[in-house]
Amino acid sequence: MFQELSRRCFAAAYDAINGPAERAGLRERRRSLLAQAAGVTIEIGAGTGLNLPYYPAAVTRLVLVEPDPHMRRRLRAHAERLGRTTEILDARAERLPFPDSVFDTAVVTFALCSVPQEQSALAEIARVLRPGGELLFLEHVRSTDPKVAAKQDKRPFPYPLIGCHPNRATLDAIEASPLTVESVLHGEVPKVPRVESPMIVGSARRPVPTA
């Protein structure tokens, strides 16, 4: 009961919590990253839809996957307000309900920190991308500062409550997946606690098989 109430409250407060970071430059990071999306596109862990305004016209079909019902309700309302045609699904990153090689672009933003099995999620993303398809990622990651990393490892409140693991070495996980990293920039999420400020933004691609 407590966890259910926590998820409901987190979904209700999510946009307000992220507001300072978005206004301080994070929304421009989203805009720049998502400008690269094209064709049939899937976003994993779409949350309340903070990325929705930034998908370009080059995206011909947009599928949004979000397992939390409270987030999903707000996501659907956000898409309706924007007049954006989307397909919104209840599914988990580790088991995407799609055949192989159907998407041109996949998007994850601040989602790989909360999936139960990060490597399985990345393998699924690679599976549903067509050969040559691209993953666009924006994630907070484990700090290179040992003192900050030690605090991340302790997962202080409220991170366990919301299922977030701010200490994940997500770039290493992407590099160990079937995807090939093509670009990555390191930075910091503005206006957030140090334990979640280290950030990466970049792209990876599913390799095209050689003859």
N, C-alpha and C. Protein backbone atom coordinates (compact mmCIF):
# COMPACT_ATOMS: atom_id res chain seq x y z
N MET A 1 0.83 -1.20 0.00
CA MET A 1 0.00 0.00 0.00
C MET A 1 0.87 1.26 0.00
N PHE A 2 1.92 1.25 0.85
CA PHE A 2 2.81 2.41 0.94
C PHE A 2 3.54 2.63 -0.37
N GLN A 3 4.03 1.53 -0.99
CA GLN A 3 4.73 1.66 -2.26
C GLN A 3 3.81 2.19 -3.35
N GLU A 4 2.58 1.73 -3.36
CA GLU A 4 1.60 2.20 -4.35
C GLU A 4 1.35 3.70 -4.17
N LEU A 5 1.20 4.15 -2.94
CA LEU A 5 1.01 5.57 -2.66
C LEU A 5 2.24 6.36 -3.07
N SER A 6 3.42 5.81 -2.82
CA SER A 6 4.66 6.49 -3.18
C SER A 6 4.76 6.66 -4.69
N ARG A 7 4.41 5.62 -5.45
CA ARG A 7 4.47 5.71 -6.91
C ARG A 7 3.47 6.74 -7.44
N ARG A 8 2.29 6.78 -6.83
CA ARG A 8 1.28 7.74 -7.24
C ARG A 8 1.76 9.18 -6.98
N CYS A 9 2.33 9.39 -5.81
CA CYS A 9 2.82 10.73 -5.45
C CYS A 9 4.01 11.13 -6.32
N PHE A 10 4.89 10.17 -6.60
CA PHE A 10 6.06 10.47 -7.43
C PHE A 10 5.64 10.87 -8.84
N ALA A 11 4.67 10.16 -9.40
CA ALA A 11 4.17 10.50 -10.73
C ALA A 11 3.54 11.89 -10.74
N ALA A 12 2.78 12.21 -9.68
CA ALA A 12 2.12 13.50 -9.60
C ALA A 12 3.12 14.64 -9.48
N ALA A 13 4.25 14.39 -8.80
CA ALA A 13 5.23 15.44 -8.55
C ALA A 13 6.37 15.47 -9.57
N TYR A 14 6.40 14.49 -10.47
CA TYR A 14 7.58 14.29 -11.32
C TYR A 14 7.94 15.53 -12.14
N ASP A 15 6.99 16.12 -12.81
CA ASP A 15 7.29 17.28 -13.65
C ASP A 15 7.77 18.46 -12.82
N ALA A 16 7.16 18.67 -11.66
CA ALA A 16 7.57 19.77 -10.79
C ALA A 16 8.97 19.54 -10.24
N ILE A 17 9.27 18.30 -9.87
CA ILE A 17 10.61 17.98 -9.36
C ILE A 17 11.67 18.26 -10.42
N ASN A 18 11.36 17.92 -11.67
CA ASN A 18 12.33 18.08 -12.75
C ASN A 18 12.35 19.49 -13.34
N GLY A 19 11.38 20.32 -12.96
CA GLY A 19 11.27 21.64 -13.54
C GLY A 19 12.54 22.48 -13.48
N PRO A 20 13.20 22.62 -12.32
CA PRO A 20 14.41 23.44 -12.27
C PRO A 20 15.51 22.97 -13.21
N ALA A 21 15.73 21.65 -13.28
CA ALA A 21 16.75 21.12 -14.18
C ALA A 21 16.39 21.36 -15.63
N GLU A 22 15.11 21.17 -15.96
CA GLU A 22 14.67 21.38 -17.35
C GLU A 22 14.89 22.82 -17.76
N ARG A 23 14.52 23.76 -16.90
CA ARG A 23 14.67 25.18 -17.23
C ARG A 23 16.11 25.63 -17.25
N ALA A 24 16.98 24.91 -16.51
CA ALA A 24 18.40 25.28 -16.43
C ALA A 24 19.23 24.69 -17.56
N GLY A 25 18.59 24.05 -18.53
CA GLY A 25 19.34 23.57 -19.69
C GLY A 25 19.07 22.15 -20.10
N LEU A 26 18.42 21.36 -19.24
CA LEU A 26 18.20 19.96 -19.58
C LEU A 26 17.25 19.81 -20.77
N ARG A 27 16.26 20.68 -20.88
CA ARG A 27 15.33 20.56 -22.01
C ARG A 27 16.06 20.79 -23.34
N GLU A 28 17.11 21.61 -23.33
CA GLU A 28 17.87 21.82 -24.56
C GLU A 28 18.70 20.59 -24.91
N ARG A 29 19.16 19.89 -23.88
CA ARG A 29 19.84 18.60 -24.11
C ARG A 29 18.88 17.62 -24.76
N ARG A 30 17.66 17.58 -24.26
CA ARG A 30 16.65 16.69 -24.84
C ARG A 30 16.39 17.08 -26.30
N ARG A 31 16.18 18.36 -26.53
CA ARG A 31 15.86 18.83 -27.87
C ARG A 31 16.97 18.46 -28.87
N SER A 32 18.22 18.70 -28.48
CA SER A 32 19.35 18.40 -29.36
C SER A 32 19.47 16.90 -29.63
N LEU A 33 19.28 16.10 -28.60
CA LEU A 33 19.39 14.64 -28.76
C LEU A 33 18.27 14.11 -29.65
N LEU A 34 17.04 14.51 -29.36
CA LEU A 34 15.90 13.94 -30.07
C LEU A 34 15.77 14.46 -31.48
N ALA A 35 16.46 15.52 -31.82
CA ALA A 35 16.47 15.99 -33.21
C ALA A 35 17.03 14.93 -34.14
N GLN A 36 17.77 13.95 -33.58
CA GLN A 36 18.36 12.88 -34.39
C GLN A 36 17.40 11.73 -34.63
N ALA A 37 16.27 11.70 -33.93
CA ALA A 37 15.32 10.60 -34.08
C ALA A 37 14.64 10.67 -35.44
N ALA A 38 14.39 9.50 -36.02
CA ALA A 38 13.75 9.44 -37.33
C ALA A 38 13.09 8.08 -37.51
N GLY A 39 12.10 8.06 -38.41
CA GLY A 39 11.45 6.81 -38.76
C GLY A 39 10.60 6.27 -37.62
N VAL A 40 10.49 4.96 -37.56
CA VAL A 40 9.71 4.28 -36.53
C VAL A 40 10.52 4.30 -35.23
N THR A 41 9.97 4.94 -34.20
CA THR A 41 10.74 5.24 -32.99
C THR A 41 10.05 4.70 -31.76
N ILE A 42 10.84 4.15 -30.84
CA ILE A 42 10.33 3.67 -29.55
C ILE A 42 11.07 4.39 -28.44
N GLU A 43 10.33 4.84 -27.44
CA GLU A 43 10.94 5.37 -26.22
C GLU A 43 10.62 4.43 -25.08
N ILE A 44 11.65 4.03 -24.35
CA ILE A 44 11.50 3.10 -23.24
C ILE A 44 11.53 3.89 -21.94
N GLY A 45 10.52 3.69 -21.09
CA GLY A 45 10.44 4.44 -19.85
C GLY A 45 10.09 5.89 -20.11
N ALA A 46 8.99 6.12 -20.81
CA ALA A 46 8.64 7.47 -21.27
C ALA A 46 8.14 8.37 -20.16
N GLY A 47 7.84 7.83 -18.98
CA GLY A 47 7.45 8.65 -17.85
C GLY A 47 6.20 9.47 -18.12
N THR A 48 6.26 10.75 -17.79
CA THR A 48 5.13 11.65 -18.01
C THR A 48 5.17 12.33 -19.37
N GLY A 49 6.23 12.05 -20.15
CA GLY A 49 6.29 12.59 -21.50
C GLY A 49 7.11 13.85 -21.65
N LEU A 50 8.16 14.01 -20.85
CA LEU A 50 8.99 15.20 -20.95
C LEU A 50 9.68 15.32 -22.32
N ASN A 51 9.85 14.20 -23.01
CA ASN A 51 10.48 14.25 -24.34
C ASN A 51 9.50 14.59 -25.47
N LEU A 52 8.23 14.47 -25.20
CA LEU A 52 7.23 14.56 -26.27
C LEU A 52 7.34 15.81 -27.14
N PRO A 53 7.58 16.99 -26.59
CA PRO A 53 7.60 18.18 -27.45
C PRO A 53 8.77 18.22 -28.44
N TYR A 54 9.76 17.35 -28.25
CA TYR A 54 11.01 17.48 -29.00
C TYR A 54 11.20 16.45 -30.10
N TYR A 55 10.23 15.57 -30.29
CA TYR A 55 10.35 14.62 -31.39
C TYR A 55 10.09 15.34 -32.71
N PRO A 56 10.99 15.19 -33.69
CA PRO A 56 10.85 15.93 -34.95
C PRO A 56 9.85 15.26 -35.90
N ALA A 57 9.52 15.98 -36.95
CA ALA A 57 8.58 15.46 -37.95
C ALA A 57 9.12 14.22 -38.65
N ALA A 58 10.44 14.02 -38.60
CA ALA A 58 11.05 12.85 -39.24
C ALA A 58 10.64 11.55 -38.56
N VAL A 59 10.08 11.63 -37.35
CA VAL A 59 9.57 10.44 -36.67
C VAL A 59 8.20 10.11 -37.26
N THR A 60 8.10 8.98 -37.92
CA THR A 60 6.87 8.62 -38.63
C THR A 60 5.89 7.82 -37.78
N ARG A 61 6.39 7.19 -36.74
CA ARG A 61 5.55 6.44 -35.79
C ARG A 61 6.24 6.48 -34.45
N LEU A 62 5.49 6.81 -33.40
CA LEU A 62 6.09 6.96 -32.07
C LEU A 62 5.41 6.02 -31.09
N VAL A 63 6.19 5.09 -30.56
CA VAL A 63 5.71 4.13 -29.57
C VAL A 63 6.35 4.47 -28.23
N LEU A 64 5.53 4.64 -27.21
CA LEU A 64 5.99 5.00 -25.88
C LEU A 64 5.69 3.86 -24.91
N VAL A 65 6.73 3.34 -24.30
CA VAL A 65 6.60 2.23 -23.36
C VAL A 65 6.78 2.77 -21.94
N GLU A 66 5.81 2.51 -21.07
CA GLU A 66 5.88 2.97 -19.69
C GLU A 66 5.14 1.98 -18.79
N PRO A 67 5.85 1.31 -17.86
CA PRO A 67 5.21 0.28 -17.04
C PRO A 67 4.40 0.80 -15.86
N ASP A 68 4.65 2.04 -15.43
CA ASP A 68 3.96 2.55 -14.26
C ASP A 68 2.61 3.16 -14.66
N PRO A 69 1.50 2.68 -14.08
CA PRO A 69 0.18 3.16 -14.52
C PRO A 69 -0.06 4.63 -14.23
N HIS A 70 0.53 5.15 -13.16
CA HIS A 70 0.33 6.56 -12.82
C HIS A 70 1.10 7.46 -13.79
N MET A 71 2.30 7.06 -14.11
CA MET A 71 3.07 7.79 -15.14
C MET A 71 2.36 7.69 -16.49
N ARG A 72 1.88 6.50 -16.79
CA ARG A 72 1.26 6.26 -18.10
C ARG A 72 0.00 7.12 -18.28
N ARG A 73 -0.77 7.31 -17.23
CA ARG A 73 -1.96 8.16 -17.32
C ARG A 73 -1.58 9.60 -17.64
N ARG A 74 -0.54 10.08 -17.00
CA ARG A 74 -0.09 11.46 -17.27
C ARG A 74 0.56 11.56 -18.64
N LEU A 75 1.24 10.52 -19.06
CA LEU A 75 1.84 10.49 -20.39
C LEU A 75 0.76 10.60 -21.46
N ARG A 76 -0.31 9.85 -21.30
CA ARG A 76 -1.40 9.89 -22.28
C ARG A 76 -2.05 11.28 -22.33
N ALA A 77 -2.25 11.88 -21.17
CA ALA A 77 -2.85 13.22 -21.12
C ALA A 77 -1.93 14.25 -21.77
N HIS A 78 -0.62 14.10 -21.56
CA HIS A 78 0.35 15.03 -22.15
C HIS A 78 0.33 14.92 -23.67
N ALA A 79 0.30 13.70 -24.19
CA ALA A 79 0.26 13.49 -25.64
C ALA A 79 -1.01 14.09 -26.23
N GLU A 80 -2.12 13.95 -25.52
CA GLU A 80 -3.39 14.51 -26.00
C GLU A 80 -3.35 16.03 -26.02
N ARG A 81 -2.75 16.63 -25.00
CA ARG A 81 -2.65 18.10 -24.97
C ARG A 81 -1.82 18.63 -26.13
N LEU A 82 -0.77 17.88 -26.49
CA LEU A 82 0.10 18.30 -27.58
C LEU A 82 -0.47 17.93 -28.96
N GLY A 83 -1.54 17.13 -28.96
CA GLY A 83 -2.09 16.66 -30.23
C GLY A 83 -1.15 15.71 -30.95
N ARG A 84 -0.36 15.00 -30.17
CA ARG A 84 0.66 14.11 -30.74
C ARG A 84 0.10 12.69 -30.87
N THR A 85 0.17 12.12 -32.05
CA THR A 85 -0.27 10.74 -32.26
C THR A 85 0.80 9.79 -31.75
N THR A 86 0.45 8.98 -30.78
CA THR A 86 1.40 8.04 -30.19
C THR A 86 0.71 6.71 -29.93
N GLU A 87 1.53 5.69 -29.70
CA GLU A 87 1.05 4.41 -29.19
C GLU A 87 1.68 4.22 -27.82
N ILE A 88 0.86 4.14 -26.78
CA ILE A 88 1.35 4.06 -25.41
C ILE A 88 1.07 2.66 -24.87
N LEU A 89 2.14 1.99 -24.43
CA LEU A 89 2.03 0.59 -24.03
C LEU A 89 2.52 0.37 -22.61
N ASP A 90 1.88 -0.56 -21.92
CA ASP A 90 2.32 -1.05 -20.63
C ASP A 90 3.26 -2.22 -20.89
N ALA A 91 4.55 -1.97 -20.74
CA ALA A 91 5.53 -3.03 -20.98
C ALA A 91 6.82 -2.67 -20.26
N ARG A 92 7.63 -3.68 -20.03
CA ARG A 92 8.92 -3.48 -19.37
C ARG A 92 10.06 -3.58 -20.38
N ALA A 93 11.12 -2.86 -20.08
CA ALA A 93 12.26 -2.78 -21.01
C ALA A 93 12.88 -4.15 -21.26
N GLU A 94 12.81 -5.03 -20.26
CA GLU A 94 13.44 -6.34 -20.41
C GLU A 94 12.63 -7.30 -21.28
N ARG A 95 11.36 -6.96 -21.55
CA ARG A 95 10.51 -7.83 -22.38
C ARG A 95 9.62 -6.95 -23.25
N LEU A 96 10.19 -6.45 -24.32
CA LEU A 96 9.44 -5.58 -25.22
C LEU A 96 8.57 -6.42 -26.15
N PRO A 97 7.28 -6.10 -26.27
CA PRO A 97 6.35 -6.94 -27.03
C PRO A 97 6.37 -6.64 -28.53
N PHE A 98 7.54 -6.77 -29.13
CA PHE A 98 7.70 -6.49 -30.55
C PHE A 98 8.61 -7.54 -31.18
N PRO A 99 8.42 -7.81 -32.46
CA PRO A 99 9.34 -8.71 -33.15
C PRO A 99 10.70 -8.06 -33.34
N ASP A 100 11.63 -8.81 -33.84
CA ASP A 100 12.98 -8.30 -34.09
C ASP A 100 12.97 -7.24 -35.18
N SER A 101 13.89 -6.28 -35.06
CA SER A 101 14.26 -5.38 -36.15
C SER A 101 13.11 -4.56 -36.71
N VAL A 102 12.33 -3.93 -35.81
CA VAL A 102 11.18 -3.15 -36.30
C VAL A 102 11.34 -1.65 -36.12
N PHE A 103 12.32 -1.20 -35.33
CA PHE A 103 12.44 0.23 -35.05
C PHE A 103 13.71 0.81 -35.67
N ASP A 104 13.58 2.04 -36.15
CA ASP A 104 14.72 2.77 -36.68
C ASP A 104 15.49 3.49 -35.57
N THR A 105 14.75 3.94 -34.55
CA THR A 105 15.35 4.69 -33.45
C THR A 105 14.77 4.20 -32.13
N ALA A 106 15.61 4.11 -31.11
CA ALA A 106 15.17 3.86 -29.74
C ALA A 106 15.69 4.99 -28.86
N VAL A 107 14.92 5.35 -27.85
CA VAL A 107 15.27 6.46 -26.97
C VAL A 107 15.15 6.01 -25.52
N VAL A 108 16.17 6.31 -24.71
CA VAL A 108 16.08 6.14 -23.25
C VAL A 108 16.65 7.39 -22.60
N THR A 109 15.85 8.01 -21.74
CA THR A 109 16.33 9.17 -20.99
C THR A 109 15.98 8.98 -19.52
N PHE A 110 17.00 8.89 -18.69
CA PHE A 110 16.83 8.70 -17.25
C PHE A 110 15.92 7.52 -16.95
N ALA A 111 16.14 6.44 -17.69
CA ALA A 111 15.32 5.23 -17.50
C ALA A 111 16.18 4.02 -17.16
N LEU A 112 17.39 3.93 -17.70
CA LEU A 112 18.23 2.76 -17.46
C LEU A 112 18.68 2.66 -16.01
N CYS A 113 18.58 3.76 -15.28
CA CYS A 113 18.92 3.74 -13.85
C CYS A 113 17.88 3.00 -13.03
N SER A 114 16.70 2.80 -13.59
CA SER A 114 15.60 2.23 -12.79
C SER A 114 15.10 0.88 -13.29
N VAL A 115 15.57 0.42 -14.44
CA VAL A 115 15.13 -0.91 -14.88
C VAL A 115 15.76 -1.96 -13.98
N PRO A 116 15.05 -3.03 -13.66
CA PRO A 116 15.61 -4.05 -12.77
C PRO A 116 16.88 -4.71 -13.33
N GLN A 117 16.90 -4.94 -14.65
CA GLN A 117 18.04 -5.63 -15.27
C GLN A 117 18.52 -4.81 -16.47
N GLU A 118 19.50 -3.99 -16.22
CA GLU A 118 19.97 -3.05 -17.24
C GLU A 118 20.49 -3.76 -18.49
N GLN A 119 21.30 -4.81 -18.31
CA GLN A 119 21.88 -5.49 -19.46
C GLN A 119 20.82 -6.19 -20.30
N SER A 120 19.81 -6.75 -19.65
CA SER A 120 18.71 -7.38 -20.38
C SER A 120 17.92 -6.35 -21.16
N ALA A 121 17.72 -5.17 -20.56
CA ALA A 121 17.01 -4.11 -21.26
C ALA A 121 17.76 -3.65 -22.50
N LEU A 122 19.06 -3.52 -22.40
CA LEU A 122 19.86 -3.10 -23.55
C LEU A 122 19.86 -4.17 -24.64
N ALA A 123 19.87 -5.43 -24.24
CA ALA A 123 19.80 -6.51 -25.24
C ALA A 123 18.46 -6.48 -25.97
N GLU A 124 17.38 -6.18 -25.24
CA GLU A 124 16.06 -6.07 -25.87
C GLU A 124 16.00 -4.88 -26.83
N ILE A 125 16.58 -3.76 -26.42
CA ILE A 125 16.62 -2.59 -27.30
C ILE A 125 17.36 -2.93 -28.59
N ALA A 126 18.49 -3.60 -28.46
CA ALA A 126 19.25 -3.99 -29.65
C ALA A 126 18.44 -4.94 -30.52
N ARG A 127 17.69 -5.82 -29.90
CA ARG A 127 16.90 -6.80 -30.65
C ARG A 127 15.83 -6.13 -31.50
N VAL A 128 15.13 -5.15 -30.93
CA VAL A 128 14.02 -4.55 -31.68
C VAL A 128 14.47 -3.46 -32.66
N LEU A 129 15.72 -3.00 -32.53
CA LEU A 129 16.25 -2.08 -33.52
C LEU A 129 16.60 -2.83 -34.79
N ARG A 130 16.33 -2.23 -35.93
CA ARG A 130 16.78 -2.82 -37.18
C ARG A 130 18.31 -2.71 -37.27
N PRO A 131 18.99 -3.55 -38.05
CA PRO A 131 20.43 -3.36 -38.27
C PRO A 131 20.69 -1.95 -38.80
N GLY A 132 21.59 -1.26 -38.15
CA GLY A 132 21.84 0.14 -38.50
C GLY A 132 21.00 1.11 -37.71
N GLY A 133 20.01 0.61 -36.93
CA GLY A 133 19.17 1.47 -36.12
C GLY A 133 19.95 2.07 -34.96
N GLU A 134 19.42 3.17 -34.42
CA GLU A 134 20.18 3.98 -33.47
C GLU A 134 19.48 4.09 -32.12
N LEU A 135 20.26 3.97 -31.05
CA LEU A 135 19.80 4.26 -29.70
C LEU A 135 20.30 5.64 -29.31
N LEU A 136 19.38 6.50 -28.87
CA LEU A 136 19.72 7.81 -28.33
C LEU A 136 19.55 7.75 -26.82
N PHE A 137 20.58 8.12 -26.07
CA PHE A 137 20.52 7.98 -24.62
C PHE A 137 20.92 9.26 -23.90
N LEU A 138 20.27 9.48 -22.78
CA LEU A 138 20.56 10.59 -21.86
C LEU A 138 20.32 10.03 -20.47
N GLU A 139 21.39 9.80 -19.72
CA GLU A 139 21.27 9.07 -18.46
C GLU A 139 22.21 9.65 -17.40
N HIS A 140 21.76 9.60 -16.14
CA HIS A 140 22.75 9.89 -15.10
C HIS A 140 23.46 8.60 -14.73
N VAL A 141 24.74 8.75 -14.32
CA VAL A 141 25.64 7.59 -14.23
C VAL A 141 26.51 7.69 -12.97
N ARG A 142 27.26 6.64 -12.75
CA ARG A 142 28.20 6.60 -11.62
C ARG A 142 29.25 7.70 -11.77
N SER A 143 29.53 8.38 -10.68
CA SER A 143 30.51 9.46 -10.71
C SER A 143 31.93 8.92 -10.78
N THR A 144 32.80 9.69 -11.41
CA THR A 144 34.23 9.35 -11.41
C THR A 144 34.92 9.88 -10.15
N ASP A 145 34.21 10.67 -9.36
CA ASP A 145 34.72 11.17 -8.08
C ASP A 145 34.42 10.10 -7.02
N PRO A 146 35.45 9.51 -6.41
CA PRO A 146 35.22 8.42 -5.45
C PRO A 146 34.30 8.80 -4.30
N LYS A 147 34.37 10.04 -3.85
CA LYS A 147 33.52 10.46 -2.73
C LYS A 147 32.05 10.50 -3.14
N VAL A 148 31.78 11.02 -4.34
CA VAL A 148 30.40 11.05 -4.82
C VAL A 148 29.91 9.63 -5.11
N ALA A 149 30.78 8.81 -5.72
CA ALA A 149 30.41 7.43 -6.03
C ALA A 149 30.06 6.66 -4.76
N ALA A 150 30.80 6.92 -3.67
CA ALA A 150 30.51 6.24 -2.40
C ALA A 150 29.12 6.63 -1.89
N LYS A 151 28.75 7.88 -2.06
CA LYS A 151 27.41 8.32 -1.66
C LYS A 151 26.34 7.69 -2.57
N GLN A 152 26.66 7.58 -3.86
CA GLN A 152 25.72 6.93 -4.79
C GLN A 152 25.49 5.48 -4.39
N ASP A 153 26.55 4.79 -3.97
CA ASP A 153 26.43 3.39 -3.59
C ASP A 153 25.52 3.19 -2.38
N LYS A 154 25.43 4.20 -1.53
CA LYS A 154 24.56 4.11 -0.35
C LYS A 154 23.09 4.30 -0.71
N ARG A 155 22.82 4.80 -1.92
CA ARG A 155 21.44 5.03 -2.39
C ARG A 155 20.60 5.71 -1.30
N PRO A 156 20.94 6.95 -0.98
CA PRO A 156 20.19 7.63 0.08
C PRO A 156 18.74 7.86 -0.33
N PHE A 157 17.89 8.14 0.65
CA PHE A 157 16.50 8.49 0.38
C PHE A 157 16.47 9.69 -0.56
N PRO A 158 15.59 9.68 -1.58
CA PRO A 158 14.46 8.76 -1.82
C PRO A 158 14.74 7.73 -2.91
N TYR A 159 16.01 7.52 -3.30
CA TYR A 159 16.29 6.71 -4.49
C TYR A 159 15.78 5.27 -4.40
N PRO A 160 15.93 4.57 -3.26
CA PRO A 160 15.34 3.22 -3.21
C PRO A 160 13.82 3.24 -3.37
N LEU A 161 13.17 4.28 -2.85
CA LEU A 161 11.73 4.39 -2.90
C LEU A 161 11.22 4.50 -4.34
N ILE A 162 11.98 5.19 -5.18
CA ILE A 162 11.54 5.39 -6.56
C ILE A 162 12.23 4.42 -7.53
N GLY A 163 13.01 3.49 -6.98
CA GLY A 163 13.62 2.46 -7.81
C GLY A 163 14.81 2.91 -8.62
N CYS A 164 15.44 4.01 -8.22
CA CYS A 164 16.56 4.56 -8.98
C CYS A 164 17.89 4.08 -8.42
N HIS A 165 18.81 3.72 -9.33
CA HIS A 165 20.17 3.32 -8.96
C HIS A 165 21.13 4.35 -9.57
N PRO A 166 21.44 5.43 -8.86
CA PRO A 166 22.27 6.49 -9.45
C PRO A 166 23.73 6.09 -9.63
N ASN A 167 24.11 4.93 -9.11
CA ASN A 167 25.51 4.51 -9.17
C ASN A 167 25.82 3.59 -10.35
N ARG A 168 24.90 3.42 -11.28
CA ARG A 168 25.14 2.49 -12.38
C ARG A 168 26.15 3.04 -13.40
N ALA A 169 27.04 2.16 -13.83
CA ALA A 169 28.02 2.51 -14.86
C ALA A 169 27.38 2.23 -16.22
N THR A 170 26.44 3.08 -16.58
CA THR A 170 25.59 2.81 -17.74
C THR A 170 26.35 2.85 -19.05
N LEU A 171 27.34 3.71 -19.17
CA LEU A 171 28.12 3.71 -20.41
C LEU A 171 28.83 2.38 -20.60
N ASP A 172 29.38 1.83 -19.53
CA ASP A 172 30.02 0.51 -19.61
C ASP A 172 29.00 -0.54 -20.04
N ALA A 173 27.78 -0.43 -19.51
CA ALA A 173 26.74 -1.40 -19.86
C ALA A 173 26.37 -1.30 -21.34
N ILE A 174 26.27 -0.09 -21.87
CA ILE A 174 25.97 0.07 -23.29
C ILE A 174 27.10 -0.49 -24.14
N GLU A 175 28.32 -0.22 -23.74
CA GLU A 175 29.49 -0.73 -24.49
C GLU A 175 29.56 -2.24 -24.44
N ALA A 176 29.05 -2.86 -23.38
CA ALA A 176 29.07 -4.32 -23.26
C ALA A 176 27.87 -4.98 -23.94
N SER A 177 26.94 -4.17 -24.42
CA SER A 177 25.73 -4.69 -25.07
C SER A 177 26.01 -4.97 -26.54
N PRO A 178 25.02 -5.47 -27.29
CA PRO A 178 25.22 -5.69 -28.73
C PRO A 178 25.33 -4.40 -29.54
N LEU A 179 25.18 -3.24 -28.90
CA LEU A 179 25.23 -1.95 -29.59
C LEU A 179 26.64 -1.39 -29.61
N THR A 180 26.90 -0.55 -30.59
CA THR A 180 28.21 0.10 -30.73
C THR A 180 28.04 1.59 -30.45
N VAL A 181 28.73 2.08 -29.42
CA VAL A 181 28.65 3.50 -29.08
C VAL A 181 29.31 4.32 -30.17
N GLU A 182 28.58 5.33 -30.65
CA GLU A 182 29.10 6.19 -31.72
C GLU A 182 29.50 7.56 -31.21
N SER A 183 28.79 8.07 -30.21
CA SER A 183 29.13 9.37 -29.65
C SER A 183 28.71 9.40 -28.20
N VAL A 184 29.46 10.12 -27.38
CA VAL A 184 29.08 10.29 -25.97
C VAL A 184 29.72 11.57 -25.44
N LEU A 185 28.92 12.34 -24.74
CA LEU A 185 29.38 13.53 -24.04
C LEU A 185 29.11 13.35 -22.56
N HIS A 186 30.05 13.77 -21.74
CA HIS A 186 29.88 13.72 -20.29
C HIS A 186 29.54 15.11 -19.78
N GLY A 187 28.62 15.18 -18.86
CA GLY A 187 28.24 16.46 -18.30
C GLY A 187 27.57 16.28 -16.96
N GLU A 188 26.81 17.28 -16.56
CA GLU A 188 26.11 17.23 -15.28
C GLU A 188 24.67 17.71 -15.45
N VAL A 189 23.77 17.02 -14.81
CA VAL A 189 22.38 17.47 -14.76
C VAL A 189 22.35 18.68 -13.84
N PRO A 190 21.81 19.81 -14.29
CA PRO A 190 21.80 21.00 -13.43
C PRO A 190 20.72 20.91 -12.35
N LYS A 191 20.96 21.61 -11.27
CA LYS A 191 19.95 21.81 -10.23
C LYS A 191 19.46 20.52 -9.57
N VAL A 192 20.36 19.54 -9.42
CA VAL A 192 19.99 18.29 -8.74
C VAL A 192 21.07 17.94 -7.73
N PRO A 193 20.80 17.04 -6.78
CA PRO A 193 21.84 16.61 -5.83
C PRO A 193 23.04 15.98 -6.55
N ARG A 194 24.20 16.07 -5.95
CA ARG A 194 25.43 15.56 -6.57
C ARG A 194 25.34 14.08 -6.91
N VAL A 195 24.59 13.32 -6.11
CA VAL A 195 24.53 11.88 -6.35
C VAL A 195 23.86 11.54 -7.67
N GLU A 196 23.09 12.46 -8.26
CA GLU A 196 22.47 12.16 -9.54
C GLU A 196 22.86 13.13 -10.65
N SER A 197 23.88 13.96 -10.40
CA SER A 197 24.24 14.94 -11.42
C SER A 197 25.14 14.41 -12.54
N PRO A 198 26.05 13.43 -12.31
CA PRO A 198 26.87 12.98 -13.44
C PRO A 198 25.99 12.41 -14.56
N MET A 199 26.26 12.84 -15.78
CA MET A 199 25.34 12.55 -16.89
C MET A 199 26.12 12.20 -18.15
N ILE A 200 25.54 11.31 -18.95
CA ILE A 200 26.06 11.06 -20.30
C ILE A 200 24.93 11.28 -21.30
N VAL A 201 25.30 11.76 -22.47
CA VAL A 201 24.33 11.92 -23.56
C VAL A 201 25.03 11.49 -24.84
N GLY A 202 24.36 10.66 -25.64
CA GLY A 202 25.02 10.17 -26.84
C GLY A 202 24.17 9.22 -27.65
N SER A 203 24.84 8.46 -28.49
CA SER A 203 24.15 7.54 -29.38
C SER A 203 24.95 6.26 -29.55
N ALA A 204 24.23 5.19 -29.83
CA ALA A 204 24.84 3.90 -30.12
C ALA A 204 24.03 3.27 -31.24
N ARG A 205 24.63 2.34 -31.95
CA ARG A 205 23.97 1.81 -33.13
C ARG A 205 24.05 0.28 -33.13
N ARG A 206 22.98 -0.35 -33.64
CA ARG A 206 23.03 -1.78 -33.86
C ARG A 206 23.83 -2.04 -35.13
N PRO A 207 24.90 -2.80 -35.03
CA PRO A 207 25.73 -3.01 -36.22
C PRO A 207 24.99 -3.68 -37.35
N VAL A 208 25.39 -3.35 -38.56
CA VAL A 208 24.88 -4.01 -39.76
C VAL A 208 25.76 -5.23 -40.02
N PRO A 209 25.18 -6.42 -40.12
CA PRO A 209 25.99 -7.62 -40.37
C PRO A 209 26.80 -7.49 -41.67
N THR A 210 28.02 -7.95 -41.61
CA THR A 210 28.85 -7.95 -42.81
C THR A 210 28.65 -9.26 -43.56
N ALA A 211 28.76 -9.19 -44.85
CA ALA A 211 28.55 -10.39 -45.68
C ALA A 211 29.68 -11.37 -45.48
